[in-house]
Amino acid sequence: MEHSPVDAQPDAQSVSSASPHWTPFDRTMMQRCIELARRALGRTSPNPLVGSVIVRDGAIVGEGFHPGAGQPHAEIFALRQAGDKSQGATIYVNLEPCNHYGRTPPCTEALIAAGVAKVVVGMVDPNPLVAGSGIERIKKAGIEVVVGVETEACRQLNEAFIHRILHKRPWGMLKYAMTLDGKIATASGHSAWVTGQEARRYVHQLRTACDAVIVGGNTVRLDNPHLTSHDTDTHNPLRVVMSRTLDLPIDARLWETADAPTLVLTEIGANPDLQHQLVNKGVEVIEMTPLTPAKAMAYLYDRQLSTVLWECGGTLAARAIADGTVQKVLAFIAPKIVGGITAPSPVGDLGLARMTDALTLEQVSWRQLGSDYVVEGYVS
């Protein structure tokens, strides 16, 4: 398994001209950058989430965030708002300014032309096209640069972007809701609802931040989910169904594509009649053999996606883990007990015979949501 890319970053000290020293005000402004960046959750892939704040004489004179690939970067929006007040000002940005021509011109040149006096950077960009070159370009222009303010928060904000850059695959998160005795449904398959409303609202928000949500055929047949954010004003992820046989109901909610797009991944030649019906409903169908989580994630990477949420049952969850496509786990735990030897568990057979072989999560945190708890951790 791969370690969390949050720990695999260029060293801020290697691109900073002196030991970092910043003030509580600097941290507050960087937190504001992160807050601004989060306004574009789920909309920037394959680009990172970036926010920027310009300060002059202790007051904010310009703000901005990157709204999506192909559009101006956060620094440009902040400079536009600040106008002439950018001269001699300090600009804060959670990710190193770019120093190359892509869909947009380099931000470094815009900062130099605007006459800013100081640039405060949250973290170095892991993209090889940047990777410290933006900072060096600004420093060579005689502008003071400080690197490493609120770095951990900046890394966590863009952990999917970082993983995508370093590993050439989307960032995979496995989410499941289970009872206190480790069941995701009763022995009959009934699963509505394991957790309460607060936990479900949290999941809806989580989907908003994702590019895609993946389920298997059993989830479609048993739960008939919507897999949306349940909010007309927010982003809905691409809904992906993985099914080798395509033995799926024609009246599933996922085939209603007015609110959110749906993609079906299946084996070559599986159920051609249903494939035809799904395409007529506006569902995209892609055949691949063999159909595995690793191949699915490679395909989604090629489609420029960065963050993928696995909301599948235990069988597909185990395959996703075994294929190395899960980097983070979010387990929602309800204070309920249903029992049952045949009641399904969140993760199927991983072929582990001894407790010492168990997968161990790192950087574990938890929080309470109503009467439920959510435990988050990174796959080690």
Protein backbone atom coordinates (compact mmCIF):
# COMPACT_ATOMS: atom_id res chain seq x y z
CA MET A 1 0.00 0.00 0.00
CA GLU A 2 1.11 3.56 -0.64
CA HIS A 3 1.69 5.97 2.20
CA SER A 4 -0.34 9.14 2.39
CA PRO A 5 1.24 11.68 0.02
CA VAL A 6 0.71 14.32 2.68
CA ASP A 7 4.12 13.27 4.03
CA ALA A 8 5.87 13.05 0.67
CA GLN A 9 6.44 16.71 -0.17
CA PRO A 10 9.28 18.96 -1.28
CA ASP A 11 10.89 20.57 1.75
CA ALA A 12 9.84 24.18 2.24
CA GLN A 13 13.23 24.90 3.79
CA SER A 14 14.98 23.91 0.57
CA VAL A 15 13.31 26.74 -1.31
CA SER A 16 13.22 29.36 1.43
CA SER A 17 16.08 31.82 1.74
CA ALA A 18 15.99 31.87 5.53
CA SER A 19 14.50 30.03 8.48
CA PRO A 20 10.73 30.66 8.45
CA HIS A 21 9.32 33.22 10.84
CA TRP A 22 5.72 34.32 10.66
CA THR A 23 3.12 35.91 12.85
CA PRO A 24 -0.36 34.90 14.05
CA PHE A 25 -1.66 37.35 11.44
CA ASP A 26 0.17 35.40 8.72
CA ARG A 27 -1.50 32.20 9.90
CA THR A 28 -4.90 33.87 9.93
CA MET A 29 -4.44 35.08 6.37
CA MET A 30 -3.33 31.62 5.22
CA GLN A 31 -6.40 30.11 6.87
CA ARG A 32 -8.44 32.63 4.91
CA CYS A 33 -6.74 31.41 1.70
CA ILE A 34 -7.80 27.86 2.54
CA GLU A 35 -11.33 29.02 3.29
CA LEU A 36 -11.52 30.76 -0.09
CA ALA A 37 -10.04 27.76 -1.90
CA ARG A 38 -12.71 25.45 -0.47
CA ARG A 39 -15.41 27.42 -2.29
CA ALA A 40 -14.42 25.50 -5.42
CA LEU A 41 -14.55 22.02 -3.87
CA GLY A 42 -15.19 19.37 -6.50
CA ARG A 43 -14.83 21.82 -9.40
CA THR A 44 -11.08 22.29 -10.05
CA SER A 45 -9.83 18.82 -11.04
CA PRO A 46 -7.19 18.14 -12.21
CA ASN A 47 -6.05 21.48 -10.80
CA PRO A 48 -5.53 22.10 -7.07
CA LEU A 49 -7.69 24.13 -4.70
CA VAL A 50 -6.09 27.54 -4.29
CA GLY A 51 -7.09 30.74 -2.52
CA SER A 52 -5.23 34.03 -2.29
CA VAL A 53 -5.38 37.15 -0.12
CA ILE A 54 -3.62 40.50 -0.65
CA VAL A 55 -2.89 42.67 2.40
CA ARG A 56 -1.66 46.24 2.54
CA ASP A 57 -1.17 48.26 5.73
CA GLY A 58 -2.78 45.46 7.75
CA ALA A 59 -6.00 45.39 5.73
CA ILE A 60 -7.24 42.97 3.07
CA VAL A 61 -7.40 44.74 -0.29
CA GLY A 62 -7.94 41.76 -2.58
CA GLU A 63 -9.12 38.14 -2.48
CA GLY A 64 -9.67 35.36 -4.95
CA PHE A 65 -9.81 31.63 -5.55
CA HIS A 66 -9.31 29.34 -8.53
CA PRO A 67 -12.80 28.34 -9.77
CA GLY A 68 -11.83 25.62 -12.22
CA ALA A 69 -9.36 24.31 -14.81
CA GLY A 70 -8.81 26.73 -17.67
CA GLN A 71 -9.87 29.76 -15.63
CA PRO A 72 -7.54 32.32 -14.01
CA HIS A 73 -5.68 31.29 -10.89
CA ALA A 74 -6.42 32.59 -7.40
CA GLU A 75 -3.63 35.18 -7.45
CA ILE A 76 -5.01 36.77 -10.61
CA PHE A 77 -8.46 37.27 -9.12
CA ALA A 78 -6.91 38.75 -5.97
CA LEU A 79 -4.71 41.12 -8.02
CA ARG A 80 -7.69 42.24 -10.08
CA GLN A 81 -9.65 43.08 -6.95
CA ALA A 82 -6.73 44.88 -5.31
CA GLY A 83 -5.84 46.93 -8.40
CA ASP A 84 -3.20 49.59 -7.68
CA LYS A 85 -3.21 48.62 -4.01
CA SER A 86 -1.14 45.56 -4.95
CA GLN A 87 1.92 47.83 -5.18
CA GLY A 88 4.04 47.19 -2.10
CA ALA A 89 1.50 44.74 -0.66
CA THR A 90 1.85 41.22 0.75
CA ILE A 91 0.10 38.41 -1.07
CA TYR A 92 -0.78 35.13 0.63
CA VAL A 93 -1.43 31.93 -1.32
CA ASN A 94 -1.80 28.38 -0.02
CA LEU A 95 0.13 26.85 -2.96
CA GLU A 96 3.30 28.05 -4.67
CA PRO A 97 2.53 30.36 -7.63
CA CYS A 98 2.98 28.69 -11.02
CA ASN A 99 5.94 29.59 -13.18
CA HIS A 100 4.97 28.00 -16.50
CA TYR A 101 2.57 28.50 -19.37
CA GLY A 102 -0.36 26.09 -19.31
CA ARG A 103 -3.96 27.03 -20.02
CA THR A 104 -3.13 30.33 -18.32
CA PRO A 105 0.03 32.49 -18.13
CA PRO A 106 2.40 32.09 -15.15
CA CYS A 107 1.26 33.78 -11.95
CA THR A 108 4.84 34.64 -11.01
CA GLU A 109 5.05 37.19 -13.80
CA ALA A 110 1.73 38.75 -12.79
CA LEU A 111 2.95 39.14 -9.19
CA ILE A 112 6.19 40.74 -10.33
CA ALA A 113 4.38 43.11 -12.71
CA ALA A 114 1.95 44.11 -9.95
CA GLY A 115 4.82 45.21 -7.73
CA VAL A 116 4.01 43.16 -4.64
CA ALA A 117 6.63 43.43 -1.91
CA LYS A 118 6.18 40.04 -0.25
CA VAL A 119 4.78 36.62 -1.08
CA VAL A 120 3.74 34.20 1.68
CA VAL A 121 3.33 30.61 0.48
CA GLY A 122 1.62 27.79 2.36
CA MET A 123 3.35 24.90 0.61
CA VAL A 124 5.63 24.10 -2.32
CA ASP A 125 3.83 22.77 -5.41
CA PRO A 126 4.71 19.06 -5.95
CA ASN A 127 4.07 19.44 -9.68
CA PRO A 128 7.45 18.97 -11.44
CA LEU A 129 6.52 21.91 -13.69
CA VAL A 130 6.66 24.13 -10.58
CA ALA A 131 8.38 22.39 -7.61
CA GLY A 132 10.14 25.48 -6.23
CA SER A 133 10.76 27.27 -9.53
CA GLY A 134 7.94 29.73 -8.88
CA ILE A 135 9.44 30.71 -5.55
CA GLU A 136 12.91 31.08 -7.05
CA ARG A 137 11.58 33.26 -9.88
CA ILE A 138 9.90 35.61 -7.41
CA LYS A 139 12.99 35.81 -5.21
CA LYS A 140 15.19 36.63 -8.20
CA ALA A 141 12.90 39.58 -8.90
CA GLY A 142 13.82 40.98 -5.48
CA ILE A 143 10.54 40.06 -3.76
CA GLU A 144 10.62 38.70 -0.21
CA VAL A 145 9.29 35.15 0.02
CA VAL A 146 8.18 33.22 3.09
CA VAL A 147 7.34 29.53 2.72
CA GLY A 148 5.63 27.09 5.09
CA VAL A 149 2.78 28.93 6.83
CA GLU A 150 0.03 26.47 7.84
CA THR A 151 1.71 23.84 5.66
CA GLU A 152 -0.08 20.81 7.09
CA ALA A 153 -3.50 22.38 6.57
CA CYS A 154 -2.50 23.34 3.03
CA ARG A 155 -1.36 19.80 2.29
CA GLN A 156 -4.54 18.28 3.65
CA LEU A 157 -6.63 20.63 1.53
CA ASN A 158 -4.90 19.37 -1.62
CA GLU A 159 -4.08 15.79 -0.65
CA ALA A 160 -5.93 14.51 -3.73
CA PHE A 161 -4.00 16.83 -6.06
CA ILE A 162 -0.72 15.84 -4.42
CA HIS A 163 -1.48 12.13 -4.75
CA ARG A 164 -2.50 12.53 -8.37
CA ILE A 165 0.73 14.34 -9.22
CA LEU A 166 3.00 11.88 -7.39
CA HIS A 167 1.29 8.57 -8.20
CA LYS A 168 -0.55 9.24 -11.50
CA ARG A 169 -3.81 7.95 -9.99
CA PRO A 170 -6.82 9.58 -8.36
CA TRP A 171 -7.00 9.84 -4.58
CA GLY A 172 -9.27 7.07 -3.28
CA MET A 173 -11.39 7.28 -0.14
CA LEU A 174 -13.46 4.39 1.21
CA LYS A 175 -16.58 5.44 3.09
CA TYR A 176 -18.96 3.13 4.90
CA ALA A 177 -21.53 3.26 7.69
CA MET A 178 -21.74 0.37 10.14
CA THR A 179 -23.30 -0.61 13.43
CA LEU A 180 -21.33 -1.04 16.63
CA ASP A 181 -21.01 -4.75 15.86
CA GLY A 182 -19.57 -4.07 12.41
CA LYS A 183 -22.59 -4.60 10.14
CA ILE A 184 -23.58 -2.44 7.17
CA ALA A 185 -27.02 -4.06 6.87
CA THR A 186 -29.20 -6.70 8.51
CA ALA A 187 -29.09 -10.34 7.44
CA SER A 188 -32.00 -9.59 5.05
CA GLY A 189 -29.97 -6.80 3.38
CA HIS A 190 -31.95 -3.90 4.83
CA SER A 191 -29.64 -0.91 5.43
CA ALA A 192 -31.76 2.28 5.66
CA TRP A 193 -30.62 3.91 7.78
CA VAL A 194 -27.52 2.81 9.67
CA THR A 195 -26.59 6.32 10.80
CA GLY A 196 -28.58 9.43 11.66
CA GLN A 197 -29.27 12.63 9.75
CA GLU A 198 -26.14 14.52 10.86
CA ALA A 199 -23.85 11.76 9.60
CA ARG A 200 -25.76 11.54 6.33
CA ARG A 201 -25.50 15.31 5.83
CA TYR A 202 -21.74 15.01 6.37
CA VAL A 203 -21.60 12.37 3.61
CA HIS A 204 -23.55 14.64 1.27
CA GLN A 205 -20.96 17.37 1.89
CA LEU A 206 -18.20 14.83 1.30
CA ARG A 207 -19.64 13.97 -2.10
CA THR A 208 -19.63 17.64 -3.02
CA ALA A 209 -15.85 17.64 -2.66
CA CYS A 210 -15.38 14.54 -4.86
CA ASP A 211 -15.04 14.13 -8.61
CA ALA A 212 -16.61 10.67 -8.64
CA VAL A 213 -18.45 8.21 -6.39
CA ILE A 214 -18.14 4.48 -7.09
CA VAL A 215 -20.55 1.68 -6.18
CA GLY A 216 -20.96 -1.91 -7.26
CA GLY A 217 -23.95 -3.75 -8.66
CA ASN A 218 -25.15 -5.02 -5.26
CA THR A 219 -25.44 -1.46 -3.94
CA VAL A 220 -27.57 -0.51 -6.95
CA ARG A 221 -29.81 -3.56 -6.54
CA LEU A 222 -30.22 -3.42 -2.75
CA ASP A 223 -30.04 0.29 -1.88
CA ASN A 224 -31.10 2.05 -5.11
CA PRO A 225 -29.07 5.16 -4.08
CA HIS A 226 -29.07 8.69 -5.48
CA LEU A 227 -25.35 9.34 -4.74
CA THR A 228 -25.81 13.11 -4.99
CA SER A 229 -25.10 15.97 -2.61
CA HIS A 230 -28.89 16.42 -2.18
CA ASP A 231 -28.40 20.16 -2.69
CA THR A 232 -29.39 21.89 -5.92
CA ASP A 233 -26.81 24.65 -5.39
CA THR A 234 -23.73 22.45 -5.01
CA HIS A 235 -21.56 20.23 -7.18
CA ASN A 236 -22.60 16.62 -7.80
CA PRO A 237 -19.91 14.04 -8.53
CA LEU A 238 -19.83 11.66 -11.46
CA ARG A 239 -21.69 8.54 -10.31
CA VAL A 240 -19.84 5.37 -11.32
CA VAL A 241 -21.26 1.85 -11.25
CA MET A 242 -18.87 -1.10 -11.58
CA SER A 243 -20.64 -4.28 -12.69
CA ARG A 244 -19.06 -7.20 -14.51
CA THR A 245 -22.36 -8.86 -15.53
CA LEU A 246 -24.52 -5.71 -15.79
CA ASP A 247 -27.35 -7.57 -14.06
CA LEU A 248 -28.95 -4.30 -12.93
CA PRO A 249 -32.51 -2.96 -12.69
CA ILE A 250 -33.60 -0.66 -15.50
CA ASP A 251 -35.50 1.61 -13.09
CA ALA A 252 -32.57 2.51 -10.78
CA ARG A 253 -32.32 6.11 -9.59
CA LEU A 254 -28.77 6.33 -10.90
CA TRP A 255 -30.09 6.23 -14.46
CA GLU A 256 -31.81 9.59 -13.87
CA THR A 257 -29.08 11.87 -15.21
CA ALA A 258 -30.79 15.27 -15.06
CA ASP A 259 -29.12 16.14 -11.73
CA ALA A 260 -25.86 14.23 -12.03
CA PRO A 261 -24.08 12.20 -14.74
CA THR A 262 -23.71 8.43 -14.45
CA LEU A 263 -20.97 6.20 -15.86
CA VAL A 264 -21.24 2.40 -15.97
CA LEU A 265 -18.05 0.34 -16.18
CA THR A 266 -18.59 -3.26 -17.26
CA GLU A 267 -16.92 -6.19 -18.96
CA ILE A 268 -16.82 -6.41 -22.75
CA GLY A 269 -20.05 -7.86 -24.15
CA ALA A 270 -21.99 -7.81 -20.86
CA ASN A 271 -25.79 -7.55 -21.24
CA PRO A 272 -25.89 -5.60 -24.55
CA ASP A 273 -29.66 -5.03 -24.30
CA LEU A 274 -29.32 -3.18 -20.99
CA GLN A 275 -26.30 -1.28 -22.32
CA HIS A 276 -28.46 0.00 -25.18
CA GLN A 277 -31.26 1.03 -22.82
CA LEU A 278 -28.85 2.83 -20.49
CA VAL A 279 -27.26 4.77 -23.33
CA ASN A 280 -30.73 5.85 -24.44
CA LYS A 281 -31.31 7.19 -20.91
CA GLY A 282 -28.15 9.32 -21.10
CA VAL A 283 -25.93 6.96 -19.14
CA GLU A 284 -22.37 6.52 -20.37
CA VAL A 285 -21.24 2.89 -20.68
CA ILE A 286 -17.60 1.85 -20.97
CA GLU A 287 -16.43 -1.73 -21.43
CA MET A 288 -13.09 -2.96 -20.10
CA THR A 289 -11.66 -6.42 -19.47
CA PRO A 290 -10.74 -7.34 -16.84
CA LEU A 291 -12.84 -4.91 -14.82
CA THR A 292 -10.80 -4.15 -11.70
CA PRO A 293 -10.60 -1.21 -9.28
CA ALA A 294 -7.07 -0.46 -10.49
CA LYS A 295 -8.16 -0.28 -14.14
CA ALA A 296 -11.19 1.80 -13.19
CA MET A 297 -9.01 4.32 -11.34
CA ALA A 298 -6.54 4.45 -14.24
CA TYR A 299 -9.44 5.24 -16.55
CA LEU A 300 -10.75 7.98 -14.23
CA TYR A 301 -7.24 9.44 -14.03
CA ASP A 302 -7.18 9.69 -17.82
CA ARG A 303 -10.49 11.55 -17.55
CA GLN A 304 -8.71 14.19 -15.41
CA LEU A 305 -10.39 13.20 -12.12
CA SER A 306 -8.56 13.61 -8.80
CA THR A 307 -10.83 12.55 -5.91
CA VAL A 308 -12.82 9.31 -5.92
CA LEU A 309 -15.14 8.15 -3.14
CA TRP A 310 -15.75 4.41 -2.82
CA GLU A 311 -19.26 3.97 -1.35
CA CYS A 312 -19.51 0.33 -2.27
CA GLY A 313 -20.31 -2.87 -0.41
CA GLY A 314 -17.84 -5.19 1.25
CA THR A 315 -16.87 -7.28 -1.78
CA LEU A 316 -15.87 -4.36 -3.98
CA ALA A 317 -14.35 -2.53 -1.00
CA ALA A 318 -11.99 -5.45 -0.39
CA ARG A 319 -10.97 -5.49 -4.05
CA ALA A 320 -10.39 -1.74 -4.01
CA ILE A 321 -8.16 -2.03 -0.94
CA ALA A 322 -6.26 -5.01 -2.36
CA ASP A 323 -5.69 -3.10 -5.61
CA GLY A 324 -4.12 -0.16 -3.74
CA THR A 325 -6.85 2.25 -4.80
CA VAL A 326 -7.87 3.30 -1.26
CA GLN A 327 -5.67 5.84 0.51
CA LYS A 328 -8.10 7.03 3.18
CA VAL A 329 -10.91 5.40 5.16
CA LEU A 330 -13.94 7.13 6.67
CA ALA A 331 -15.90 4.78 8.92
CA PHE A 332 -19.23 6.03 10.27
CA ILE A 333 -20.18 4.10 13.40
CA ALA A 334 -23.72 4.03 14.80
CA PRO A 335 -24.45 2.97 18.40
CA LYS A 336 -26.63 0.10 17.20
CA ILE A 337 -26.35 -3.69 17.31
CA VAL A 338 -28.13 -5.88 14.77
CA GLY A 339 -26.24 -9.19 15.07
CA GLY A 340 -26.49 -11.94 12.50
CA ILE A 341 -23.81 -14.30 11.25
CA THR A 342 -24.73 -13.59 7.64
CA ALA A 343 -25.23 -9.83 8.04
CA PRO A 344 -22.73 -8.09 5.71
CA SER A 345 -19.59 -6.32 6.92
CA PRO A 346 -18.04 -3.20 5.35
CA VAL A 347 -14.97 -5.00 3.94
CA GLY A 348 -15.00 -8.48 2.45
CA ASP A 349 -12.25 -11.08 2.40
CA LEU A 350 -8.73 -9.68 2.14
CA GLY A 351 -7.07 -13.06 2.60
CA LEU A 352 -5.55 -12.09 5.95
CA ALA A 353 -5.19 -15.07 8.29
CA ARG A 354 -3.56 -13.39 11.31
CA MET A 355 -4.31 -10.26 13.27
CA THR A 356 -0.71 -9.19 12.78
CA ASP A 357 -1.46 -8.99 9.05
CA ALA A 358 -4.25 -6.45 9.56
CA LEU A 359 -4.09 -3.14 7.72
CA THR A 360 -3.30 -0.35 10.15
CA LEU A 361 -4.58 3.18 9.70
CA GLU A 362 -2.32 6.15 10.43
CA GLN A 363 -3.02 9.77 11.41
CA VAL A 364 -6.35 8.64 12.82
CA SER A 365 -8.92 11.21 13.96
CA TRP A 366 -12.53 11.01 15.03
CA ARG A 367 -15.49 13.27 15.65
CA GLN A 368 -19.05 12.94 16.85
CA LEU A 369 -21.99 13.60 14.53
CA GLY A 370 -25.22 13.47 16.51
CA SER A 371 -25.30 10.05 18.14
CA ASP A 372 -22.83 8.62 15.59
CA TYR A 373 -19.05 8.82 15.24
CA VAL A 374 -16.85 9.07 12.18
CA VAL A 375 -13.29 7.70 12.30
CA GLU A 376 -10.87 8.85 9.61
CA GLY A 377 -7.44 7.48 8.88
CA TYR A 378 -4.90 6.89 6.13
CA VAL A 379 -4.04 3.41 4.83
CA SER A 380 -0.47 2.57 5.78
